[in-house]
Amino acid sequence: MVNLFFKVLQISETDILNEIQQGNERVFEMIFRKYYQSLSNYAFSFLKDMDDSEEIVQGVFLKLWEQRESIEISVSLKSYLYRAVHNTCLNRIKHLKIQDVYKEYNAEFLEETYDSATDLLYKNELEKRIADALNKLPEQCRLIFKLSRFEELKYQEIADQLGLSIKTVENQIGKALRIMRTELSDYLIILLIIHFF
């Protein structure tokens, strides 16, 4: 039906992009419906998880819509969408690998370090406090901080991924660190003791 719509109206890809850039929700929805399932299947070939795959495709379309006025597409829209899904899947796989390494390292570290019930209690409380502190960060600030500290992305990579300037990323990291230090100030001594002894 979507293909027929475009054939009947003789709409070129340039016209479609122009309509999307001008905020035509109907054209955007038709593009979404046309490519959603095939893009989800493509993402699934990387991730082997349909929920994650659909989430990534939705994210790609959301980013396209949010950045529609400034986005420049030098290839076909279809190629752009597939490349965006491809790159996002690779980032997700990288993130999952980092998480696995972190969990493995953390498990080994905890096994060696937290050998008493008191230490474990401190660890659980500290993890809760860190999670609470992260949740107090503004949404964009929290996302940037996590990409930097947990996914180990460089500032330029974060800026490119989120469509921000490096200065904005630097400012948000600085803001996150100030808030985290304030929220965790009473635990810094415990962190030092655990780390060095």
Foldseek 3Di string as FASTA:
>chain_A
DLVVVCVVVVADQVNLLVCLLVPPVVSLVSVCVVCQVVQLVLLCVLVVDSVVSNVQLVVLSVVCNVCSNPDDDPDGPVVVSNVSSVVVSVLVVLLVVLVVVVVVVVVVLCVVQVPDPVSVVLVVVVVVLLVVLLVPQPPVLSVLLCCCPRSVDDLVVSCVVVVHDSVVSVVSNVVSVVSSCVSCVVCPVVVVVSVPD
